[in-house]
PDB file of all heavy atoms in Angstrom:
ATOM      1  N   HIS A   1      17.826 -24.438 115.187  1.00  0.00           N
ATOM      2  CA  HIS A   1      17.568 -23.300 114.309  1.00  0.00           C
ATOM      3  C   HIS A   1      16.546 -22.421 115.036  1.00  0.00           C
ATOM      4  O   HIS A   1      15.447 -22.870 115.358  1.00  0.00           O
ATOM      5  CB  HIS A   1      17.067 -23.762 112.984  1.00  0.00           C
ATOM      6  CG  HIS A   1      17.967 -24.775 112.317  1.00  0.00           C
ATOM      7  ND1 HIS A   1      19.045 -24.443 111.529  1.00  0.00           N
ATOM      8  CD2 HIS A   1      17.934 -26.142 112.387  1.00  0.00           C
ATOM      9  CE1 HIS A   1      19.626 -25.563 111.096  1.00  0.00           C
ATOM     10  NE2 HIS A   1      19.018 -26.583 111.624  1.00  0.00           N
ATOM     11  N   PHE A   2      16.858 -21.128 115.156  1.00  0.00           N
ATOM     12  CA  PHE A   2      16.000 -20.204 115.895  1.00  0.00           C
ATOM     13  C   PHE A   2      15.324 -19.292 114.928  1.00  0.00           C
ATOM     14  O   PHE A   2      15.977 -18.576 114.141  1.00  0.00           O
ATOM     15  CB  PHE A   2      16.831 -19.434 116.925  1.00  0.00           C
ATOM     16  CG  PHE A   2      17.527 -20.337 117.923  1.00  0.00           C
ATOM     17  CD1 PHE A   2      18.791 -20.844 117.654  1.00  0.00           C
ATOM     18  CD2 PHE A   2      16.899 -20.720 119.106  1.00  0.00           C
ATOM     19  CE1 PHE A   2      19.420 -21.663 118.561  1.00  0.00           C
ATOM     20  CE2 PHE A   2      17.527 -21.550 120.047  1.00  0.00           C
ATOM     21  CZ  PHE A   2      18.768 -22.035 119.756  1.00  0.00           C
ATOM     22  N   HIS A   3      13.998 -19.251 114.947  1.00  0.00           N
ATOM     23  CA  HIS A   3      13.201 -18.447 114.042  1.00  0.00           C
ATOM     24  C   HIS A   3      12.500 -17.373 114.879  1.00  0.00           C
ATOM     25  O   HIS A   3      11.412 -17.575 115.414  1.00  0.00           O
ATOM     26  CB  HIS A   3      12.197 -19.317 113.334  1.00  0.00           C
ATOM     27  CG  HIS A   3      12.814 -20.481 112.624  1.00  0.00           C
ATOM     28  ND1 HIS A   3      13.252 -20.440 111.308  1.00  0.00           N
ATOM     29  CD2 HIS A   3      13.101 -21.770 113.071  1.00  0.00           C
ATOM     30  CE1 HIS A   3      13.752 -21.648 110.987  1.00  0.00           C
ATOM     31  NE2 HIS A   3      13.649 -22.444 112.010  1.00  0.00           N
ATOM     32  N   ALA A   4      13.162 -16.220 114.999  1.00  0.00           N
ATOM     33  CA  ALA A   4      12.653 -15.145 115.846  1.00  0.00           C
ATOM     34  C   ALA A   4      11.755 -14.202 115.036  1.00  0.00           C
ATOM     35  O   ALA A   4      12.132 -13.735 113.980  1.00  0.00           O
ATOM     36  CB  ALA A   4      13.793 -14.379 116.441  1.00  0.00           C
ATOM     37  N   GLY A   5      10.544 -13.971 115.565  1.00  0.00           N
ATOM     38  CA  GLY A   5       9.599 -13.070 114.890  1.00  0.00           C
ATOM     39  C   GLY A   5       8.189 -13.638 115.043  1.00  0.00           C
ATOM     40  O   GLY A   5       7.962 -14.744 115.504  1.00  0.00           O
ATOM     41  N   TRP A   6       7.215 -12.836 114.578  1.00  0.00           N
ATOM     42  CA  TRP A   6       5.821 -13.271 114.624  1.00  0.00           C
ATOM     43  C   TRP A   6       5.607 -14.393 113.630  1.00  0.00           C
ATOM     44  O   TRP A   6       6.230 -14.455 112.561  1.00  0.00           O
ATOM     45  CB  TRP A   6       4.889 -12.107 114.355  1.00  0.00           C
ATOM     46  CG  TRP A   6       5.086 -10.961 115.349  1.00  0.00           C
ATOM     47  CD1 TRP A   6       5.640  -9.752 115.085  1.00  0.00           C
ATOM     48  CD2 TRP A   6       4.709 -10.972 116.701  1.00  0.00           C
ATOM     49  NE1 TRP A   6       5.645  -9.016 116.228  1.00  0.00           N
ATOM     50  CE2 TRP A   6       5.106  -9.738 117.251  1.00  0.00           C
ATOM     51  CE3 TRP A   6       4.128 -11.901 117.582  1.00  0.00           C
ATOM     52  CZ2 TRP A   6       4.899  -9.388 118.584  1.00  0.00           C
ATOM     53  CZ3 TRP A   6       3.932 -11.590 118.884  1.00  0.00           C
ATOM     54  CH2 TRP A   6       4.321 -10.363 119.408  1.00  0.00           C
ATOM     55  N   PHE A   7       4.708 -15.291 113.953  1.00  0.00           N
ATOM     56  CA  PHE A   7       4.506 -16.492 113.155  1.00  0.00           C
ATOM     57  C   PHE A   7       4.153 -16.145 111.690  1.00  0.00           C
ATOM     58  O   PHE A   7       4.550 -16.856 110.754  1.00  0.00           O
ATOM     59  CB  PHE A   7       3.441 -17.382 113.723  1.00  0.00           C
ATOM     60  CG  PHE A   7       3.787 -18.048 115.028  1.00  0.00           C
ATOM     61  CD1 PHE A   7       2.786 -18.385 115.951  1.00  0.00           C
ATOM     62  CD2 PHE A   7       5.089 -18.283 115.380  1.00  0.00           C
ATOM     63  CE1 PHE A   7       3.106 -18.982 117.147  1.00  0.00           C
ATOM     64  CE2 PHE A   7       5.421 -18.868 116.586  1.00  0.00           C
ATOM     65  CZ  PHE A   7       4.438 -19.240 117.448  1.00  0.00           C
ATOM     66  N   GLU A   8       3.368 -15.093 111.470  1.00  0.00           N
ATOM     67  CA  GLU A   8       2.996 -14.757 110.107  1.00  0.00           C
ATOM     68  C   GLU A   8       4.234 -14.389 109.279  1.00  0.00           C
ATOM     69  O   GLU A   8       4.165 -14.511 108.019  1.00  0.00           O
ATOM     70  CB  GLU A   8       1.979 -13.642 110.066  1.00  0.00           C
ATOM     71  CG  GLU A   8       2.374 -12.352 110.795  1.00  0.00           C
ATOM     72  CD  GLU A   8       1.811 -12.303 112.183  1.00  0.00           C
ATOM     73  OE1 GLU A   8       1.737 -13.360 112.877  1.00  0.00           O
ATOM     74  OE2 GLU A   8       1.496 -11.190 112.627  1.00  0.00           O
ATOM     75  N   GLU A   9       5.285 -13.985 109.910  1.00  0.00           N
ATOM     76  CA  GLU A   9       6.531 -13.668 109.184  1.00  0.00           C
ATOM     77  C   GLU A   9       7.453 -14.919 109.033  1.00  0.00           C
ATOM     78  O   GLU A   9       7.947 -15.170 107.941  1.00  0.00           O
ATOM     79  CB  GLU A   9       7.304 -12.590 109.973  1.00  0.00           C
ATOM     80  CG  GLU A   9       6.528 -11.296 110.205  1.00  0.00           C
ATOM     81  CD  GLU A   9       7.159 -10.445 111.291  1.00  0.00           C
ATOM     82  OE1 GLU A   9       8.116 -10.902 111.967  1.00  0.00           O
ATOM     83  OE2 GLU A   9       6.625  -9.335 111.510  1.00  0.00           O
ATOM     84  N   THR A  10       7.629 -15.640 110.132  1.00  0.00           N
ATOM     85  CA  THR A  10       8.606 -16.719 110.126  1.00  0.00           C
ATOM     86  C   THR A  10       8.079 -18.026 109.475  1.00  0.00           C
ATOM     87  O   THR A  10       8.880 -18.852 109.034  1.00  0.00           O
ATOM     88  CB  THR A  10       9.090 -17.027 111.551  1.00  0.00           C
ATOM     89  OG1 THR A  10       7.988 -17.332 112.351  1.00  0.00           O
ATOM     90  CG2 THR A  10       9.867 -15.816 112.105  1.00  0.00           C
ATOM     91  N   LEU A  11       6.745 -18.231 109.446  1.00  0.00           N
ATOM     92  CA  LEU A  11       6.203 -19.431 108.877  1.00  0.00           C
ATOM     93  C   LEU A  11       5.648 -19.275 107.508  1.00  0.00           C
ATOM     94  O   LEU A  11       5.290 -20.277 106.905  1.00  0.00           O
ATOM     95  CB  LEU A  11       5.019 -19.899 109.828  1.00  0.00           C
ATOM     96  CG  LEU A  11       5.415 -20.489 111.171  1.00  0.00           C
ATOM     97  CD1 LEU A  11       4.204 -20.697 112.057  1.00  0.00           C
ATOM     98  CD2 LEU A  11       6.161 -21.816 111.020  1.00  0.00           C
ATOM     99  N   SER A  12       5.692 -18.081 106.956  1.00  0.00           N
ATOM    100  CA  SER A  12       4.980 -17.847 105.688  1.00  0.00           C
ATOM    101  C   SER A  12       5.564 -18.712 104.520  1.00  0.00           C
ATOM    102  O   SER A  12       4.761 -19.137 103.705  1.00  0.00           O
ATOM    103  CB  SER A  12       5.077 -16.373 105.317  1.00  0.00           C
ATOM    104  OG  SER A  12       6.441 -15.941 105.138  1.00  0.00           O
ATOM    105  N   ASP A  13       6.851 -18.960 104.526  1.00  0.00           N
ATOM    106  CA  ASP A  13       7.409 -19.787 103.438  1.00  0.00           C
ATOM    107  C   ASP A  13       8.378 -20.826 103.992  1.00  0.00           C
ATOM    108  O   ASP A  13       9.310 -21.251 103.342  1.00  0.00           O
ATOM    109  CB  ASP A  13       8.104 -18.906 102.394  1.00  0.00           C
ATOM    110  CG  ASP A  13       9.240 -18.042 103.027  1.00  0.00           C
ATOM    111  OD1 ASP A  13       9.410 -18.064 104.261  1.00  0.00           O
ATOM    112  OD2 ASP A  13       9.881 -17.337 102.258  1.00  0.00           O
ATOM    113  N   PHE A  14       8.125 -21.265 105.246  1.00  0.00           N
ATOM    114  CA  PHE A  14       9.024 -22.204 105.866  1.00  0.00           C
ATOM    115  C   PHE A  14       8.859 -23.626 105.332  1.00  0.00           C
ATOM    116  O   PHE A  14       7.747 -24.167 105.287  1.00  0.00           O
ATOM    117  CB  PHE A  14       8.762 -22.264 107.411  1.00  0.00           C
ATOM    118  CG  PHE A  14       9.613 -23.276 108.127  1.00  0.00           C
ATOM    119  CD1 PHE A  14      10.958 -23.147 108.275  1.00  0.00           C
ATOM    120  CD2 PHE A  14       9.008 -24.444 108.590  1.00  0.00           C
ATOM    121  CE1 PHE A  14      11.715 -24.099 108.935  1.00  0.00           C
ATOM    122  CE2 PHE A  14       9.759 -25.399 109.251  1.00  0.00           C
ATOM    123  CZ  PHE A  14      11.100 -25.236 109.439  1.00  0.00           C
ATOM    124  N   LYS A  15       9.960 -24.177 104.853  1.00  0.00           N
ATOM    125  CA  LYS A  15      10.021 -25.563 104.463  1.00  0.00           C
ATOM    126  C   LYS A  15      11.096 -26.219 105.307  1.00  0.00           C
ATOM    127  O   LYS A  15      12.246 -25.876 105.247  1.00  0.00           O
ATOM    128  CB  LYS A  15      10.349 -25.695 102.952  1.00  0.00           C
ATOM    129  CG  LYS A  15       9.282 -25.115 102.058  1.00  0.00           C
ATOM    130  CD  LYS A  15       7.990 -25.931 102.129  1.00  0.00           C
ATOM    131  CE  LYS A  15       6.946 -25.368 101.146  1.00  0.00           C
ATOM    132  NZ  LYS A  15       6.358 -24.089 101.615  1.00  0.00           N
ATOM    133  N   CYS A  16      10.682 -27.204 106.064  1.00  0.00           N
ATOM    134  CA  CYS A  16      11.617 -27.833 106.987  1.00  0.00           C
ATOM    135  C   CYS A  16      12.712 -28.575 106.287  1.00  0.00           C
ATOM    136  O   CYS A  16      12.488 -29.114 105.218  1.00  0.00           O
ATOM    137  CB  CYS A  16      10.831 -28.744 107.953  1.00  0.00           C
ATOM    138  SG  CYS A  16      11.764 -29.147 109.465  1.00  0.00           S
ATOM    139  N   ASP A  17      13.833 -28.658 106.909  1.00  0.00           N
ATOM    140  CA  ASP A  17      14.978 -29.322 106.329  1.00  0.00           C
ATOM    141  C   ASP A  17      14.892 -30.850 106.385  1.00  0.00           C
ATOM    142  O   ASP A  17      15.729 -31.586 105.819  1.00  0.00           O
ATOM    143  CB  ASP A  17      16.288 -28.896 107.000  1.00  0.00           C
ATOM    144  CG  ASP A  17      16.280 -29.056 108.499  1.00  0.00           C
ATOM    145  OD1 ASP A  17      15.253 -29.511 109.030  1.00  0.00           O
ATOM    146  OD2 ASP A  17      17.297 -28.771 109.147  1.00  0.00           O
ATOM    147  N   ALA A  18      13.889 -31.368 107.083  1.00  0.00           N
ATOM    148  CA  ALA A  18      13.648 -32.821 107.191  1.00  0.00           C
ATOM    149  C   ALA A  18      12.180 -32.978 107.489  1.00  0.00           C
ATOM    150  O   ALA A  18      11.496 -32.081 107.966  1.00  0.00           O
ATOM    151  CB  ALA A  18      14.497 -33.425 108.310  1.00  0.00           C
ATOM    152  N   PRO A  19      11.661 -34.211 107.260  1.00  0.00           N
ATOM    153  CA  PRO A  19      10.222 -34.456 107.627  1.00  0.00           C
ATOM    154  C   PRO A  19      10.103 -34.268 109.149  1.00  0.00           C
ATOM    155  O   PRO A  19      11.038 -34.569 109.880  1.00  0.00           O
ATOM    156  CB  PRO A  19      10.037 -35.939 107.223  1.00  0.00           C
ATOM    157  CG  PRO A  19      11.059 -36.187 106.184  1.00  0.00           C
ATOM    158  CD  PRO A  19      12.247 -35.332 106.577  1.00  0.00           C
ATOM    159  N   ILE A  20       9.005 -33.738 109.540  1.00  0.00           N
ATOM    160  CA  ILE A  20       8.756 -33.433 110.966  1.00  0.00           C
ATOM    161  C   ILE A  20       8.073 -34.641 111.628  1.00  0.00           C
ATOM    162  O   ILE A  20       7.036 -35.129 111.135  1.00  0.00           O
ATOM    163  CB  ILE A  20       7.835 -32.214 111.135  1.00  0.00           C
ATOM    164  CG1 ILE A  20       8.499 -31.010 110.506  1.00  0.00           C
ATOM    165  CG2 ILE A  20       7.515 -31.951 112.615  1.00  0.00           C
ATOM    166  CD1 ILE A  20       7.590 -29.771 110.393  1.00  0.00           C
ATOM    167  N   SER A  21       8.606 -35.123 112.741  1.00  0.00           N
ATOM    168  CA  SER A  21       7.971 -36.213 113.461  1.00  0.00           C
ATOM    169  C   SER A  21       7.368 -35.762 114.779  1.00  0.00           C
ATOM    170  O   SER A  21       6.518 -36.444 115.321  1.00  0.00           O
ATOM    171  CB  SER A  21       8.924 -37.419 113.704  1.00  0.00           C
ATOM    172  OG  SER A  21       9.969 -37.031 114.602  1.00  0.00           O
ATOM    173  N   ILE A  22       7.886 -34.577 115.294  1.00  0.00           N
ATOM    174  CA  ILE A  22       7.316 -33.995 116.505  1.00  0.00           C
ATOM    175  C   ILE A  22       6.995 -32.589 116.232  1.00  0.00           C
ATOM    176  O   ILE A  22       7.878 -31.768 115.884  1.00  0.00           O
ATOM    177  CB  ILE A  22       8.303 -34.082 117.696  1.00  0.00           C
ATOM    178  CG1 ILE A  22       8.574 -35.537 118.051  1.00  0.00           C
ATOM    179  CG2 ILE A  22       7.715 -33.354 118.917  1.00  0.00           C
ATOM    180  CD1 ILE A  22       9.725 -35.706 119.056  1.00  0.00           C
ATOM    181  N   LEU A  23       5.738 -32.180 116.376  1.00  0.00           N
ATOM    182  CA  LEU A  23       5.287 -30.820 116.205  1.00  0.00           C
ATOM    183  C   LEU A  23       4.587 -30.421 117.509  1.00  0.00           C
ATOM    184  O   LEU A  23       3.503 -30.938 117.822  1.00  0.00           O
ATOM    185  CB  LEU A  23       4.313 -30.708 115.033  1.00  0.00           C
ATOM    186  CG  LEU A  23       3.636 -29.338 114.803  1.00  0.00           C
ATOM    187  CD1 LEU A  23       4.652 -28.203 114.688  1.00  0.00           C
ATOM    188  CD2 LEU A  23       2.726 -29.397 113.565  1.00  0.00           C
ATOM    189  N   ARG A  24       5.215 -29.517 118.238  1.00  0.00           N
ATOM    190  CA  ARG A  24       4.661 -29.098 119.549  1.00  0.00           C
ATOM    191  C   ARG A  24       4.199 -27.647 119.434  1.00  0.00           C
ATOM    192  O   ARG A  24       5.042 -26.755 119.164  1.00  0.00           O
ATOM    193  CB  ARG A  24       5.703 -29.277 120.644  1.00  0.00           C
ATOM    194  CG  ARG A  24       5.100 -29.039 122.051  1.00  0.00           C
ATOM    195  CD  ARG A  24       6.087 -29.351 123.148  1.00  0.00           C
ATOM    196  NE  ARG A  24       5.326 -29.202 124.433  1.00  0.00           N
ATOM    197  CZ  ARG A  24       5.042 -28.056 125.011  1.00  0.00           C
ATOM    198  NH1 ARG A  24       5.493 -26.911 124.481  1.00  0.00           N
ATOM    199  NH2 ARG A  24       4.365 -28.029 126.135  1.00  0.00           N
ATOM    200  N   LEU A  25       2.930 -27.430 119.643  1.00  0.00           N
ATOM    201  CA  LEU A  25       2.347 -26.078 119.522  1.00  0.00           C
ATOM    202  C   LEU A  25       2.087 -25.521 120.907  1.00  0.00           C
ATOM    203  O   LEU A  25       1.265 -26.106 121.665  1.00  0.00           O
ATOM    204  CB  LEU A  25       1.055 -26.086 118.723  1.00  0.00           C
ATOM    205  CG  LEU A  25       1.191 -26.560 117.246  1.00  0.00           C
ATOM    206  CD1 LEU A  25      -0.107 -26.351 116.528  1.00  0.00           C
ATOM    207  CD2 LEU A  25       2.340 -25.907 116.508  1.00  0.00           C
ATOM    208  N   ASP A  26       2.675 -24.397 121.232  1.00  0.00           N
ATOM    209  CA  ASP A  26       2.378 -23.635 122.420  1.00  0.00           C
ATOM    210  C   ASP A  26       2.070 -22.213 121.969  1.00  0.00           C
ATOM    211  O   ASP A  26       2.701 -21.240 122.399  1.00  0.00           O
ATOM    212  CB  ASP A  26       3.555 -23.662 123.399  1.00  0.00           C
ATOM    213  CG  ASP A  26       3.224 -23.166 124.775  1.00  0.00           C
ATOM    214  OD1 ASP A  26       2.084 -22.645 124.944  1.00  0.00           O
ATOM    215  OD2 ASP A  26       4.077 -23.244 125.645  1.00  0.00           O
ATOM    216  N   ALA A  27       1.061 -22.106 121.062  1.00  0.00           N
ATOM    217  CA  ALA A  27       0.788 -20.883 120.398  1.00  0.00           C
ATOM    218  C   ALA A  27      -0.328 -20.066 121.050  1.00  0.00           C
ATOM    219  O   ALA A  27      -0.610 -18.965 120.598  1.00  0.00           O
ATOM    220  CB  ALA A  27       0.459 -21.162 118.897  1.00  0.00           C
ATOM    221  N   ASP A  28      -0.950 -20.592 122.036  1.00  0.00           N
ATOM    222  CA  ASP A  28      -1.959 -19.949 122.859  1.00  0.00           C
ATOM    223  C   ASP A  28      -3.239 -19.569 122.111  1.00  0.00           C
ATOM    224  O   ASP A  28      -4.308 -20.192 122.379  1.00  0.00           O
ATOM    225  CB  ASP A  28      -1.373 -18.709 123.580  1.00  0.00           C
ATOM    226  CG  ASP A  28      -0.364 -19.046 124.573  1.00  0.00           C
ATOM    227  OD1 ASP A  28       0.803 -19.312 124.206  1.00  0.00           O
ATOM    228  OD2 ASP A  28      -0.657 -19.136 125.744  1.00  0.00           O
ATOM    229  N   TRP A  29      -3.194 -18.637 121.188  1.00  0.00           N
ATOM    230  CA  TRP A  29      -4.424 -18.043 120.661  1.00  0.00           C
ATOM    231  C   TRP A  29      -4.863 -18.684 119.348  1.00  0.00           C
ATOM    232  O   TRP A  29      -4.077 -19.428 118.677  1.00  0.00           O
ATOM    233  CB  TRP A  29      -4.249 -16.541 120.431  1.00  0.00           C
ATOM    234  CG  TRP A  29      -3.696 -15.781 121.550  1.00  0.00           C
ATOM    235  CD1 TRP A  29      -2.868 -14.651 121.432  1.00  0.00           C
ATOM    236  CD2 TRP A  29      -3.924 -15.896 122.998  1.00  0.00           C
ATOM    237  NE1 TRP A  29      -2.549 -14.144 122.699  1.00  0.00           N
ATOM    238  CE2 TRP A  29      -3.214 -14.869 123.618  1.00  0.00           C
ATOM    239  CE3 TRP A  29      -4.625 -16.804 123.758  1.00  0.00           C
ATOM    240  CZ2 TRP A  29      -3.183 -14.730 125.009  1.00  0.00           C
ATOM    241  CZ3 TRP A  29      -4.649 -16.685 125.149  1.00  0.00           C
ATOM    242  CH2 TRP A  29      -3.924 -15.636 125.775  1.00  0.00           C
ATOM    243  N   TYR A  30      -6.094 -18.420 118.974  1.00  0.00           N
ATOM    244  CA  TYR A  30      -6.691 -18.960 117.798  1.00  0.00           C
ATOM    245  C   TYR A  30      -5.893 -18.659 116.552  1.00  0.00           C
ATOM    246  O   TYR A  30      -5.476 -19.551 115.783  1.00  0.00           O
ATOM    247  CB  TYR A  30      -8.133 -18.466 117.601  1.00  0.00           C
ATOM    248  CG  TYR A  30      -8.812 -18.974 116.381  1.00  0.00           C
ATOM    249  CD1 TYR A  30      -9.605 -20.141 116.444  1.00  0.00           C
ATOM    250  CD2 TYR A  30      -8.728 -18.334 115.157  1.00  0.00           C
ATOM    251  CE1 TYR A  30     -10.272 -20.609 115.346  1.00  0.00           C
ATOM    252  CE2 TYR A  30      -9.396 -18.824 114.006  1.00  0.00           C
ATOM    253  CZ  TYR A  30     -10.133 -19.992 114.122  1.00  0.00           C
ATOM    254  OH  TYR A  30     -10.766 -20.458 113.015  1.00  0.00           O
ATOM    255  N   ALA A  31      -5.606 -17.397 116.289  1.00  0.00           N
ATOM    256  CA  ALA A  31      -4.950 -17.025 115.067  1.00  0.00           C
ATOM    257  C   ALA A  31      -3.565 -17.575 114.932  1.00  0.00           C
ATOM    258  O   ALA A  31      -3.110 -18.061 113.865  1.00  0.00           O
ATOM    259  CB  ALA A  31      -4.873 -15.464 114.935  1.00  0.00           C
ATOM    260  N   SER A  32      -2.830 -17.585 116.071  1.00  0.00           N
ATOM    261  CA  SER A  32      -1.462 -18.141 116.057  1.00  0.00           C
ATOM    262  C   SER A  32      -1.486 -19.647 115.806  1.00  0.00           C
ATOM    263  O   SER A  32      -0.650 -20.188 115.090  1.00  0.00           O
ATOM    264  CB  SER A  32      -0.804 -17.820 117.381  1.00  0.00           C
ATOM    265  OG  SER A  32      -0.692 -16.454 117.661  1.00  0.00           O
ATOM    266  N   THR A  33      -2.440 -20.341 116.434  1.00  0.00           N
ATOM    267  CA  THR A  33      -2.522 -21.783 116.293  1.00  0.00           C
ATOM    268  C   THR A  33      -2.846 -22.170 114.841  1.00  0.00           C
ATOM    269  O   THR A  33      -2.290 -23.106 114.265  1.00  0.00           O
ATOM    270  CB  THR A  33      -3.523 -22.385 117.242  1.00  0.00           C
ATOM    271  OG1 THR A  33      -3.116 -22.005 118.608  1.00  0.00           O
ATOM    272  CG2 THR A  33      -3.586 -23.881 117.152  1.00  0.00           C
ATOM    273  N   ILE A  34      -3.810 -21.456 114.255  1.00  0.00           N
ATOM    274  CA  ILE A  34      -4.167 -21.726 112.857  1.00  0.00           C
ATOM    275  C   ILE A  34      -2.971 -21.495 111.956  1.00  0.00           C
ATOM    276  O   ILE A  34      -2.746 -22.319 111.043  1.00  0.00           O
ATOM    277  CB  ILE A  34      -5.329 -20.796 112.426  1.00  0.00           C
ATOM    278  CG1 ILE A  34      -6.693 -21.340 112.968  1.00  0.00           C
ATOM    279  CG2 ILE A  34      -5.424 -20.673 110.901  1.00  0.00           C
ATOM    280  CD1 ILE A  34      -7.214 -22.547 112.284  1.00  0.00           C
ATOM    281  N   LEU A  35      -2.211 -20.431 112.131  1.00  0.00           N
ATOM    282  CA  LEU A  35      -1.024 -20.206 111.333  1.00  0.00           C
ATOM    283  C   LEU A  35      -0.032 -21.354 111.414  1.00  0.00           C
ATOM    284  O   LEU A  35       0.474 -21.793 110.372  1.00  0.00           O
ATOM    285  CB  LEU A  35      -0.349 -18.900 111.801  1.00  0.00           C
ATOM    286  CG  LEU A  35      -0.903 -17.593 111.293  1.00  0.00           C
ATOM    287  CD1 LEU A  35      -0.275 -16.428 112.068  1.00  0.00           C
ATOM    288  CD2 LEU A  35      -0.600 -17.433 109.801  1.00  0.00           C
ATOM    289  N   CYS A  36       0.177 -21.827 112.621  1.00  0.00           N
ATOM    290  CA  CYS A  36       1.100 -22.936 112.803  1.00  0.00           C
ATOM    291  C   CYS A  36       0.617 -24.216 112.111  1.00  0.00           C
ATOM    292  O   CYS A  36       1.401 -24.935 111.459  1.00  0.00           O
ATOM    293  CB  CYS A  36       1.272 -23.220 114.314  1.00  0.00           C
ATOM    294  SG  CYS A  36       2.142 -21.891 115.162  1.00  0.00           S
ATOM    295  N   LEU A  37      -0.655 -24.535 112.272  1.00  0.00           N
ATOM    296  CA  LEU A  37      -1.217 -25.716 111.668  1.00  0.00           C
ATOM    297  C   LEU A  37      -1.109 -25.629 110.113  1.00  0.00           C
ATOM    298  O   LEU A  37      -0.761 -26.605 109.462  1.00  0.00           O
ATOM    299  CB  LEU A  37      -2.654 -25.890 112.067  1.00  0.00           C
ATOM    300  CG  LEU A  37      -2.861 -26.301 113.513  1.00  0.00           C
ATOM    301  CD1 LEU A  37      -4.353 -26.119 113.894  1.00  0.00           C
ATOM    302  CD2 LEU A  37      -2.435 -27.735 113.805  1.00  0.00           C
TER     303      LEU A  37
END
C-alpha cells in the first residue's frame, strides 16, 4: 500500500490493517520523526 504525500497528511488518521511488527523510520528530521512516532 503506497501512501504518497507529506506525513502530516497521510498519517493523520492512519489505522493499520494489521498489528505492526516492523516499523522502519527514515524520516530524517525532527518534525517528521515525531509525526511518525
